[in-house]
Amino acid sequence: MKYTKTPETPEQCCEILKNRGLIINDPDRAIKYLTNVGYFRLTGYMFHLQSNDGKHTFIDGTKFDDIIALYQFDKKLRGIISEYLERIEICLRAKLTDKYSITNGFFWYNDRELFEDAEIFDTINREIKDTFDDPKELFLKRFKSKYVDEDMPPSSMALEILSLGKLARLYKALKNKNGKSEIATEFNLPSSTITSWYIYLANVRNICAHHSRLWNKKVTADRPQFPTREKYKFKGENFEDSNTTLYGIISMIDRLLISFNPKNTFTSKIENLIREYSINCLLMGFPEDWEKTANWRCR
């Protein structure tokens, strides 16, 4: 089957939406959004507002303003998620550097004996070596020019090179003892759970970085584990797919944050944003009575 659709101008897209029953009180504003944001990106905020009739007909009373409100909500939501993902990424990076450098020296990440996964060990070290051979960061250039006998940077610099996904896989590859166990204890989670959460949240961070829709998306790549042991499991209400929804994402970020910053305002910011835009939380995987039964309200 060949793709036979023809491109339409923002003005034509505006007419298509009106013909499908969307109320557009200000066509100029709608055309401006269709021009600057794009029709395809905005369709991600329309599907749940359309009838399942194969014609993309909008539910009676749906306004273009409803679509833009969701778009704006999602943008602000990604900003909050990104802000706190940065904090938990930095925390893991600091813990790895501190725990392993103190006991094994600054070049511990290059010691194969500390790792149980040789493939990840080789991949991580190759990436660090390639970056160090042709450094772009000023801190690497200065280190390399001063310490001319070193062919690798110390851990405090090397781990700054790695993305959140690679950092999580480095942690996963370590033998499950000493520093790895200490880090798990400090996060109050099993090390296997930390690994799966960080790898999963790296995918969430990529969604945010590419400004993609997040609020009602099912994020299924690298689906994470939710702990089942009484000591670690979530106390609130969960569903079979909670580890693919925004509800699960918020739950994981909150759980990681409270281990090192118990007075953070992450969930209060999320809740305030939901109320500001009057969002239907069921579409984000929340329990119906989430204000009483959400994981972050039942710690």
C-alpha atoms as a PDB file:
ATOM      1  CA  MET A   1       0.000   0.000   0.000  1.00  0.00           C
ATOM      2  CA  LYS A   2       1.425   3.385  -0.982  1.00  0.00           C
ATOM      3  CA  TYR A   3       1.058   6.617   0.957  1.00  0.00           C
ATOM      4  CA  THR A   4      -1.160   8.749  -1.276  1.00  0.00           C
ATOM      5  CA  LYS A   5      -2.061  11.651   0.984  1.00  0.00           C
ATOM      6  CA  THR A   6      -1.159  15.092  -0.326  1.00  0.00           C
ATOM      7  CA  PRO A   7       0.295  17.915   1.797  1.00  0.00           C
ATOM      8  CA  GLU A   8      -2.083  20.632   3.021  1.00  0.00           C
ATOM      9  CA  THR A   9      -1.410  24.206   4.049  1.00  0.00           C
ATOM     10  CA  PRO A  10      -2.199  25.305   7.631  1.00  0.00           C
ATOM     11  CA  GLU A  11      -5.296  27.040   6.236  1.00  0.00           C
ATOM     12  CA  GLN A  12      -6.451  23.801   4.616  1.00  0.00           C
ATOM     13  CA  CYS A  13      -5.771  21.867   7.823  1.00  0.00           C
ATOM     14  CA  CYS A  14      -7.903  24.372   9.697  1.00  0.00           C
ATOM     15  CA  GLU A  15     -10.784  23.720   7.313  1.00  0.00           C
ATOM     16  CA  ILE A  16     -10.366  19.946   7.680  1.00  0.00           C
ATOM     17  CA  LEU A  17     -10.657  20.250  11.446  1.00  0.00           C
ATOM     18  CA  LYS A  18     -13.768  22.416  11.167  1.00  0.00           C
ATOM     19  CA  ASN A  19     -15.342  19.937   8.755  1.00  0.00           C
ATOM     20  CA  ARG A  20     -14.761  17.218  11.351  1.00  0.00           C
ATOM     21  CA  GLY A  21     -16.817  19.175  13.875  1.00  0.00           C
ATOM     22  CA  LEU A  22     -14.086  21.008  15.800  1.00  0.00           C
ATOM     23  CA  ILE A  23     -15.200  24.401  17.100  1.00  0.00           C
ATOM     24  CA  ILE A  24     -12.658  27.052  16.054  1.00  0.00           C
ATOM     25  CA  ASN A  25     -13.679  30.454  17.370  1.00  0.00           C
ATOM     26  CA  ASP A  26     -10.471  32.162  16.294  1.00  0.00           C
ATOM     27  CA  PRO A  27      -9.271  30.794  12.923  1.00  0.00           C
ATOM     28  CA  ASP A  28      -6.249  33.109  12.851  1.00  0.00           C
ATOM     29  CA  ARG A  29      -5.040  31.714  16.183  1.00  0.00           C
ATOM     30  CA  ALA A  30      -5.630  28.165  14.987  1.00  0.00           C
ATOM     31  CA  ILE A  31      -3.685  28.778  11.768  1.00  0.00           C
ATOM     32  CA  LYS A  32      -0.851  30.288  13.793  1.00  0.00           C
ATOM     33  CA  TYR A  33      -0.578  27.125  15.908  1.00  0.00           C
ATOM     34  CA  LEU A  34      -0.863  24.894  12.855  1.00  0.00           C
ATOM     35  CA  THR A  35       1.938  26.896  11.230  1.00  0.00           C
ATOM     36  CA  ASN A  36       4.315  27.093  14.203  1.00  0.00           C
ATOM     37  CA  VAL A  37       3.620  23.790  15.932  1.00  0.00           C
ATOM     38  CA  GLY A  38       2.416  21.657  13.030  1.00  0.00           C
ATOM     39  CA  TYR A  39      -0.703  19.668  12.313  1.00  0.00           C
ATOM     40  CA  PHE A  40       0.876  16.267  12.955  1.00  0.00           C
ATOM     41  CA  ARG A  41       2.186  17.184  16.409  1.00  0.00           C
ATOM     42  CA  LEU A  42      -1.179  18.603  17.427  1.00  0.00           C
ATOM     43  CA  THR A  43      -3.030  15.455  16.327  1.00  0.00           C
ATOM     44  CA  GLY A  44      -1.518  13.700  19.349  1.00  0.00           C
ATOM     45  CA  TYR A  45      -3.745  15.868  21.519  1.00  0.00           C
ATOM     46  CA  MET A  46      -6.890  15.212  19.466  1.00  0.00           C
ATOM     47  CA  PHE A  47      -7.399  11.439  19.316  1.00  0.00           C
ATOM     48  CA  HIS A  48      -9.168  11.071  22.664  1.00  0.00           C
ATOM     49  CA  LEU A  49     -11.473  13.941  21.651  1.00  0.00           C
ATOM     50  CA  GLN A  50     -12.604  12.212  18.470  1.00  0.00           C
ATOM     51  CA  SER A  51     -15.260   9.582  17.888  1.00  0.00           C
ATOM     52  CA  ASN A  52     -14.135   6.098  16.973  1.00  0.00           C
ATOM     53  CA  ASP A  53     -15.969   6.230  13.648  1.00  0.00           C
ATOM     54  CA  GLY A  54     -13.024   6.022  11.266  1.00  0.00           C
ATOM     55  CA  LYS A  55     -13.665   9.594  10.133  1.00  0.00           C
ATOM     56  CA  HIS A  56     -11.933  11.417  13.018  1.00  0.00           C
ATOM     57  CA  THR A  57     -15.153  13.252  13.844  1.00  0.00           C
ATOM     58  CA  PHE A  58     -14.839  15.338  16.993  1.00  0.00           C
ATOM     59  CA  ILE A  59     -17.071  14.762  20.003  1.00  0.00           C
ATOM     60  CA  ASP A  60     -19.808  17.396  20.153  1.00  0.00           C
ATOM     61  CA  GLY A  61     -18.648  20.613  21.788  1.00  0.00           C
ATOM     62  CA  THR A  62     -14.920  20.018  21.339  1.00  0.00           C
ATOM     63  CA  LYS A  63     -13.007  23.251  20.822  1.00  0.00           C
ATOM     64  CA  PHE A  64      -9.613  23.983  19.323  1.00  0.00           C
ATOM     65  CA  ASP A  65      -8.845  25.657  22.652  1.00  0.00           C
ATOM     66  CA  ASP A  66      -9.241  22.239  24.353  1.00  0.00           C
ATOM     67  CA  ILE A  67      -6.476  20.855  22.149  1.00  0.00           C
ATOM     68  CA  ILE A  68      -4.153  23.772  22.827  1.00  0.00           C
ATOM     69  CA  ALA A  69      -4.793  23.576  26.574  1.00  0.00           C
ATOM     70  CA  LEU A  70      -3.650  19.930  26.519  1.00  0.00           C
ATOM     71  CA  TYR A  71      -0.635  20.859  24.409  1.00  0.00           C
ATOM     72  CA  GLN A  72       0.337  23.554  26.927  1.00  0.00           C
ATOM     73  CA  PHE A  73      -0.275  21.218  29.869  1.00  0.00           C
ATOM     74  CA  ASP A  74       1.947  18.564  28.315  1.00  0.00           C
ATOM     75  CA  LYS A  75       4.703  21.096  27.660  1.00  0.00           C
ATOM     76  CA  LYS A  76       4.707  22.236  31.293  1.00  0.00           C
ATOM     77  CA  LEU A  77       4.462  18.630  32.478  1.00  0.00           C
ATOM     78  CA  ARG A  78       7.577  17.662  30.502  1.00  0.00           C
ATOM     79  CA  GLY A  79       9.381  20.627  32.022  1.00  0.00           C
ATOM     80  CA  ILE A  80       8.660  19.419  35.563  1.00  0.00           C
ATOM     81  CA  ILE A  81       9.535  15.812  34.714  1.00  0.00           C
ATOM     82  CA  SER A  82      12.814  16.919  33.082  1.00  0.00           C
ATOM     83  CA  GLU A  83      13.757  19.071  36.066  1.00  0.00           C
ATOM     84  CA  TYR A  84      13.470  16.202  38.524  1.00  0.00           C
ATOM     85  CA  LEU A  85      14.903  13.554  36.212  1.00  0.00           C
ATOM     86  CA  GLU A  86      18.002  15.732  36.114  1.00  0.00           C
ATOM     87  CA  ARG A  87      18.213  15.557  39.904  1.00  0.00           C
ATOM     88  CA  ILE A  88      17.972  11.776  40.097  1.00  0.00           C
ATOM     89  CA  GLU A  89      20.456  11.383  37.234  1.00  0.00           C
ATOM     90  CA  ILE A  90      22.987  13.603  38.981  1.00  0.00           C
ATOM     91  CA  CYS A  91      22.415  11.741  42.244  1.00  0.00           C
ATOM     92  CA  LEU A  92      23.193   8.338  40.704  1.00  0.00           C
ATOM     93  CA  ARG A  93      26.266   9.744  38.976  1.00  0.00           C
ATOM     94  CA  ALA A  94      27.552  11.226  42.254  1.00  0.00           C
ATOM     95  CA  LYS A  95      26.905   8.042  44.236  1.00  0.00           C
ATOM     96  CA  LEU A  96      28.711   5.864  41.698  1.00  0.00           C
ATOM     97  CA  THR A  97      31.718   8.155  41.577  1.00  0.00           C
ATOM     98  CA  ASP A  98      31.972   8.561  45.347  1.00  0.00           C
ATOM     99  CA  LYS A  99      31.384   4.937  46.380  1.00  0.00           C
ATOM    100  CA  TYR A 100      33.716   3.356  43.859  1.00  0.00           C
ATOM    101  CA  SER A 101      36.432   5.994  43.688  1.00  0.00           C
ATOM    102  CA  ILE A 102      37.032   5.970  47.435  1.00  0.00           C
ATOM    103  CA  THR A 103      37.479   2.192  47.567  1.00  0.00           C
ATOM    104  CA  ASN A 104      38.913   1.479  44.105  1.00  0.00           C
ATOM    105  CA  GLY A 105      40.518   4.708  42.894  1.00  0.00           C
ATOM    106  CA  PHE A 106      39.434   7.240  40.277  1.00  0.00           C
ATOM    107  CA  PHE A 107      39.827   4.753  37.401  1.00  0.00           C
ATOM    108  CA  TRP A 108      37.611   2.044  38.890  1.00  0.00           C
ATOM    109  CA  TYR A 109      35.298   2.009  35.870  1.00  0.00           C
ATOM    110  CA  ASN A 110      38.233   0.594  33.873  1.00  0.00           C
ATOM    111  CA  ASP A 111      38.677  -2.374  36.251  1.00  0.00           C
ATOM    112  CA  ARG A 112      37.006  -5.388  34.666  1.00  0.00           C
ATOM    113  CA  GLU A 113      37.044  -7.265  37.992  1.00  0.00           C
ATOM    114  CA  LEU A 114      34.343  -4.957  39.342  1.00  0.00           C
ATOM    115  CA  PHE A 115      31.910  -5.904  36.569  1.00  0.00           C
ATOM    116  CA  GLU A 116      29.876  -9.024  35.851  1.00  0.00           C
ATOM    117  CA  ASP A 117      28.785  -7.954  32.362  1.00  0.00           C
ATOM    118  CA  ALA A 118      31.861  -7.790  30.130  1.00  0.00           C
ATOM    119  CA  GLU A 119      29.936  -6.582  27.093  1.00  0.00           C
ATOM    120  CA  ILE A 120      28.577  -3.497  28.844  1.00  0.00           C
ATOM    121  CA  PHE A 121      31.979  -2.934  30.451  1.00  0.00           C
ATOM    122  CA  ASP A 122      33.623  -2.885  27.013  1.00  0.00           C
ATOM    123  CA  THR A 123      30.924  -0.662  25.489  1.00  0.00           C
ATOM    124  CA  ILE A 124      31.112   1.927  28.278  1.00  0.00           C
ATOM    125  CA  ASN A 125      34.895   2.073  28.312  1.00  0.00           C
ATOM    126  CA  ARG A 126      35.079   2.298  24.534  1.00  0.00           C
ATOM    127  CA  GLU A 127      32.702   5.265  24.563  1.00  0.00           C
ATOM    128  CA  ILE A 128      34.699   7.024  27.289  1.00  0.00           C
ATOM    129  CA  LYS A 129      37.974   6.336  25.457  1.00  0.00           C
ATOM    130  CA  ASP A 130      36.634   7.583  22.106  1.00  0.00           C
ATOM    131  CA  THR A 131      35.315  10.762  23.709  1.00  0.00           C
ATOM    132  CA  PHE A 132      38.580  11.345  25.553  1.00  0.00           C
ATOM    133  CA  ASP A 133      40.646  10.806  22.400  1.00  0.00           C
ATOM    134  CA  ASP A 134      38.786  13.640  20.692  1.00  0.00           C
ATOM    135  CA  PRO A 135      37.375  15.732  23.548  1.00  0.00           C
ATOM    136  CA  LYS A 136      34.784  18.428  23.013  1.00  0.00           C
ATOM    137  CA  GLU A 137      34.254  19.383  26.658  1.00  0.00           C
ATOM    138  CA  LEU A 138      36.642  21.975  28.066  1.00  0.00           C
ATOM    139  CA  PHE A 139      37.202  20.025  31.313  1.00  0.00           C
ATOM    140  CA  LEU A 140      38.422  17.036  29.299  1.00  0.00           C
ATOM    141  CA  LYS A 141      40.688  19.165  27.133  1.00  0.00           C
ATOM    142  CA  ARG A 142      42.304  20.751  30.188  1.00  0.00           C
ATOM    143  CA  PHE A 143      42.795  17.406  31.932  1.00  0.00           C
ATOM    144  CA  LYS A 144      44.299  15.865  28.817  1.00  0.00           C
ATOM    145  CA  SER A 145      46.721  18.746  28.265  1.00  0.00           C
ATOM    146  CA  LYS A 146      47.893  18.689  31.895  1.00  0.00           C
ATOM    147  CA  TYR A 147      48.071  14.944  32.549  1.00  0.00           C
ATOM    148  CA  VAL A 148      49.677  13.847  29.311  1.00  0.00           C
ATOM    149  CA  ASP A 149      50.474  10.340  30.576  1.00  0.00           C
ATOM    150  CA  GLU A 150      46.818   9.463  31.124  1.00  0.00           C
ATOM    151  CA  ASP A 151      44.782   7.884  28.339  1.00  0.00           C
ATOM    152  CA  MET A 152      41.517   7.928  30.297  1.00  0.00           C
ATOM    153  CA  PRO A 153      39.893  10.563  32.542  1.00  0.00           C
ATOM    154  CA  PRO A 154      39.101  10.024  36.243  1.00  0.00           C
ATOM    155  CA  SER A 155      35.661   8.745  37.212  1.00  0.00           C
ATOM    156  CA  SER A 156      34.398  12.202  38.206  1.00  0.00           C
ATOM    157  CA  MET A 157      34.874  13.293  34.581  1.00  0.00           C
ATOM    158  CA  ALA A 158      34.269   9.985  32.811  1.00  0.00           C
ATOM    159  CA  LEU A 159      30.764   9.570  34.182  1.00  0.00           C
ATOM    160  CA  GLU A 160      29.845  13.087  33.064  1.00  0.00           C
ATOM    161  CA  ILE A 161      30.362  11.859  29.499  1.00  0.00           C
ATOM    162  CA  LEU A 162      27.733   9.142  29.811  1.00  0.00           C
ATOM    163  CA  SER A 163      24.039   9.580  29.075  1.00  0.00           C
ATOM    164  CA  LEU A 164      21.472   8.558  31.677  1.00  0.00           C
ATOM    165  CA  GLY A 165      20.828   5.330  29.770  1.00  0.00           C
ATOM    166  CA  LYS A 166      24.522   4.415  29.665  1.00  0.00           C
ATOM    167  CA  LEU A 167      24.913   5.378  33.323  1.00  0.00           C
ATOM    168  CA  ALA A 168      22.075   3.035  34.265  1.00  0.00           C
ATOM    169  CA  ARG A 169      23.606   0.207  32.244  1.00  0.00           C
ATOM    170  CA  LEU A 170      26.981   0.796  33.902  1.00  0.00           C
ATOM    171  CA  TYR A 171      25.291   0.358  37.269  1.00  0.00           C
ATOM    172  CA  LYS A 172      23.527  -2.755  35.998  1.00  0.00           C
ATOM    173  CA  ALA A 173      26.821  -4.281  34.817  1.00  0.00           C
ATOM    174  CA  LEU A 174      28.542  -3.965  38.200  1.00  0.00           C
ATOM    175  CA  LYS A 175      28.860  -6.972  40.482  1.00  0.00           C
ATOM    176  CA  ASN A 176      26.118  -6.924  43.081  1.00  0.00           C
ATOM    177  CA  LYS A 177      28.224  -6.135  46.135  1.00  0.00           C
ATOM    178  CA  ASN A 178      30.102  -3.318  47.885  1.00  0.00           C
ATOM    179  CA  GLY A 179      29.294   0.038  46.264  1.00  0.00           C
ATOM    180  CA  LYS A 180      26.363  -1.252  44.243  1.00  0.00           C
ATOM    181  CA  SER A 181      24.665  -2.655  47.327  1.00  0.00           C
ATOM    182  CA  GLU A 182      25.340   0.536  49.273  1.00  0.00           C
ATOM    183  CA  ILE A 183      23.734   2.637  46.553  1.00  0.00           C
ATOM    184  CA  ALA A 184      20.681   0.363  46.527  1.00  0.00           C
ATOM    185  CA  THR A 185      20.387   0.698  50.306  1.00  0.00           C
ATOM    186  CA  GLU A 186      20.550   4.483  50.092  1.00  0.00           C
ATOM    187  CA  PHE A 187      17.784   4.513  47.456  1.00  0.00           C
ATOM    188  CA  ASN A 188      15.816   2.054  49.648  1.00  0.00           C
ATOM    189  CA  LEU A 189      15.251  -0.220  46.660  1.00  0.00           C
ATOM    190  CA  PRO A 190      16.706  -3.492  45.325  1.00  0.00           C
ATOM    191  CA  SER A 191      19.568  -2.900  42.891  1.00  0.00           C
ATOM    192  CA  SER A 192      17.655  -4.717  40.118  1.00  0.00           C
ATOM    193  CA  THR A 193      14.743  -2.301  40.566  1.00  0.00           C
ATOM    194  CA  ILE A 194      17.029   0.744  40.444  1.00  0.00           C
ATOM    195  CA  THR A 195      18.547  -0.569  37.220  1.00  0.00           C
ATOM    196  CA  SER A 196      15.202  -1.113  35.505  1.00  0.00           C
ATOM    197  CA  TRP A 197      13.838   2.238  36.696  1.00  0.00           C
ATOM    198  CA  TYR A 198      16.807   4.284  35.530  1.00  0.00           C
ATOM    199  CA  ILE A 199      16.910   2.571  32.129  1.00  0.00           C
ATOM    200  CA  TYR A 200      13.182   3.175  31.709  1.00  0.00           C
ATOM    201  CA  LEU A 201      13.373   6.773  32.878  1.00  0.00           C
ATOM    202  CA  ALA A 202      16.134   7.404  30.338  1.00  0.00           C
ATOM    203  CA  ASN A 203      13.475   6.704  27.680  1.00  0.00           C
ATOM    204  CA  VAL A 204      11.127   9.147  29.400  1.00  0.00           C
ATOM    205  CA  ARG A 205      13.869  11.759  29.447  1.00  0.00           C
ATOM    206  CA  ASN A 206      14.383  11.256  25.708  1.00  0.00           C
ATOM    207  CA  ILE A 207      10.667  11.863  25.126  1.00  0.00           C
ATOM    208  CA  CYS A 208      10.959  15.125  27.047  1.00  0.00           C
ATOM    209  CA  ALA A 209      14.159  16.136  25.251  1.00  0.00           C
ATOM    210  CA  HIS A 210      12.480  15.661  21.861  1.00  0.00           C
ATOM    211  CA  HIS A 211       9.384  17.593  23.006  1.00  0.00           C
ATOM    212  CA  SER A 212       7.159  14.625  22.264  1.00  0.00           C
ATOM    213  CA  ARG A 213       3.736  14.002  23.776  1.00  0.00           C
ATOM    214  CA  LEU A 214       3.989  12.410  27.227  1.00  0.00           C
ATOM    215  CA  TRP A 215       0.835  13.024  29.260  1.00  0.00           C
ATOM    216  CA  ASN A 216      -1.218  10.028  28.033  1.00  0.00           C
ATOM    217  CA  LYS A 217       1.437   8.056  26.166  1.00  0.00           C
ATOM    218  CA  LYS A 218       2.091   4.399  26.965  1.00  0.00           C
ATOM    219  CA  VAL A 219       5.865   4.184  27.357  1.00  0.00           C
ATOM    220  CA  THR A 220       6.523   0.476  26.895  1.00  0.00           C
ATOM    221  CA  ALA A 221      10.211   0.375  25.932  1.00  0.00           C
ATOM    222  CA  ASP A 222      12.336  -1.239  28.670  1.00  0.00           C
ATOM    223  CA  ARG A 223       9.237  -1.721  30.816  1.00  0.00           C
ATOM    224  CA  PRO A 224      10.431  -1.462  34.446  1.00  0.00           C
ATOM    225  CA  GLN A 225       9.909  -3.745  37.419  1.00  0.00           C
ATOM    226  CA  PHE A 226       7.731  -2.683  40.328  1.00  0.00           C
ATOM    227  CA  PRO A 227       9.043  -4.293  43.539  1.00  0.00           C
ATOM    228  CA  THR A 228       6.767  -6.906  45.126  1.00  0.00           C
ATOM    229  CA  ARG A 229       8.458  -7.444  48.484  1.00  0.00           C
ATOM    230  CA  GLU A 230       6.504  -5.794  51.296  1.00  0.00           C
ATOM    231  CA  LYS A 231       9.559  -3.772  52.324  1.00  0.00           C
ATOM    232  CA  TYR A 232       9.840  -2.084  48.926  1.00  0.00           C
ATOM    233  CA  LYS A 233       6.507  -2.247  47.130  1.00  0.00           C
ATOM    234  CA  PHE A 234       4.319   0.779  46.473  1.00  0.00           C
ATOM    235  CA  LYS A 235       1.599   1.300  49.064  1.00  0.00           C
ATOM    236  CA  GLY A 236      -0.940   2.949  46.764  1.00  0.00           C
ATOM    237  CA  GLU A 237      -3.197   1.570  44.047  1.00  0.00           C
ATOM    238  CA  ASN A 238      -1.553   0.098  40.949  1.00  0.00           C
ATOM    239  CA  PHE A 239      -2.720  -1.592  37.767  1.00  0.00           C
ATOM    240  CA  GLU A 240      -1.175  -4.115  35.404  1.00  0.00           C
ATOM    241  CA  ASP A 241       0.011  -1.332  33.093  1.00  0.00           C
ATOM    242  CA  SER A 242       1.056   1.183  35.761  1.00  0.00           C
ATOM    243  CA  ASN A 243       4.681   0.696  34.739  1.00  0.00           C
ATOM    244  CA  THR A 244       3.898   2.118  31.282  1.00  0.00           C
ATOM    245  CA  THR A 245       1.868   5.222  32.180  1.00  0.00           C
ATOM    246  CA  LEU A 246       2.483   8.694  33.502  1.00  0.00           C
ATOM    247  CA  TYR A 247       1.091   7.502  36.834  1.00  0.00           C
ATOM    248  CA  GLY A 248       3.921   5.003  37.077  1.00  0.00           C
ATOM    249  CA  ILE A 249       6.503   7.528  35.891  1.00  0.00           C
ATOM    250  CA  ILE A 250       5.489   9.972  38.614  1.00  0.00           C
ATOM    251  CA  SER A 251       5.496   7.159  41.183  1.00  0.00           C
ATOM    252  CA  MET A 252       9.044   6.094  40.296  1.00  0.00           C
ATOM    253  CA  ILE A 253      10.483   9.594  40.217  1.00  0.00           C
ATOM    254  CA  ASP A 254       8.847  10.398  43.553  1.00  0.00           C
ATOM    255  CA  ARG A 255      10.179   7.209  45.140  1.00  0.00           C
ATOM    256  CA  LEU A 256      13.738   7.930  44.006  1.00  0.00           C
ATOM    257  CA  LEU A 257      13.561  11.571  45.058  1.00  0.00           C
ATOM    258  CA  ILE A 258      12.352  10.986  48.614  1.00  0.00           C
ATOM    259  CA  SER A 259      15.368   8.760  49.286  1.00  0.00           C
ATOM    260  CA  PHE A 260      17.749  11.736  49.055  1.00  0.00           C
ATOM    261  CA  ASN A 261      15.468  14.800  49.078  1.00  0.00           C
ATOM    262  CA  PRO A 262      12.364  13.993  51.151  1.00  0.00           C
ATOM    263  CA  LYS A 263      11.117  17.600  51.177  1.00  0.00           C
ATOM    264  CA  ASN A 264      11.061  17.998  47.392  1.00  0.00           C
ATOM    265  CA  THR A 265       8.006  19.559  45.745  1.00  0.00           C
ATOM    266  CA  PHE A 266       7.804  17.309  42.675  1.00  0.00           C
ATOM    267  CA  THR A 267       4.377  15.751  43.225  1.00  0.00           C
ATOM    268  CA  SER A 268       2.831  18.984  44.484  1.00  0.00           C
ATOM    269  CA  LYS A 269       3.918  20.698  41.259  1.00  0.00           C
ATOM    270  CA  ILE A 270       2.399  17.893  39.202  1.00  0.00           C
ATOM    271  CA  GLU A 271      -0.861  17.994  41.154  1.00  0.00           C
ATOM    272  CA  ASN A 272      -1.117  21.793  40.902  1.00  0.00           C
ATOM    273  CA  LEU A 273      -0.606  21.576  37.147  1.00  0.00           C
ATOM    274  CA  ILE A 274      -3.320  18.930  36.829  1.00  0.00           C
ATOM    275  CA  ARG A 275      -5.757  21.134  38.719  1.00  0.00           C
ATOM    276  CA  GLU A 276      -4.802  24.228  36.742  1.00  0.00           C
ATOM    277  CA  TYR A 277      -5.757  22.523  33.472  1.00  0.00           C
ATOM    278  CA  SER A 278      -8.589  20.326  34.839  1.00  0.00           C
ATOM    279  CA  ILE A 279      -7.024  17.204  33.320  1.00  0.00           C
ATOM    280  CA  ASN A 280      -8.835  13.862  33.206  1.00  0.00           C
ATOM    281  CA  CYS A 281      -6.276  11.832  35.151  1.00  0.00           C
ATOM    282  CA  LEU A 282      -7.778   8.488  34.132  1.00  0.00           C
ATOM    283  CA  LEU A 283      -6.248   9.074  30.699  1.00  0.00           C
ATOM    284  CA  MET A 284      -2.816   9.170  32.381  1.00  0.00           C
ATOM    285  CA  GLY A 285      -3.301   5.845  34.164  1.00  0.00           C
ATOM    286  CA  PHE A 286      -4.232   7.371  37.527  1.00  0.00           C
ATOM    287  CA  PRO A 287      -6.633   5.597  39.913  1.00  0.00           C
ATOM    288  CA  GLU A 288     -10.095   7.140  39.957  1.00  0.00           C
ATOM    289  CA  ASP A 289      -9.627   8.338  43.540  1.00  0.00           C
ATOM    290  CA  TRP A 290      -5.955   9.167  43.043  1.00  0.00           C
ATOM    291  CA  GLU A 291      -5.957  12.013  45.560  1.00  0.00           C
ATOM    292  CA  LYS A 292      -6.376   9.344  48.248  1.00  0.00           C
ATOM    293  CA  THR A 293      -4.807   6.235  46.717  1.00  0.00           C
ATOM    294  CA  ALA A 294      -1.903   7.440  44.549  1.00  0.00           C
ATOM    295  CA  ASN A 295       1.463   5.911  45.409  1.00  0.00           C
ATOM    296  CA  TRP A 296       2.934   9.243  46.474  1.00  0.00           C
ATOM    297  CA  ARG A 297       0.002   9.832  48.834  1.00  0.00           C
ATOM    298  CA  CYS A 298       0.331   6.407  50.484  1.00  0.00           C
ATOM    299  CA  ARG A 299       3.993   6.287  51.406  1.00  0.00           C
END
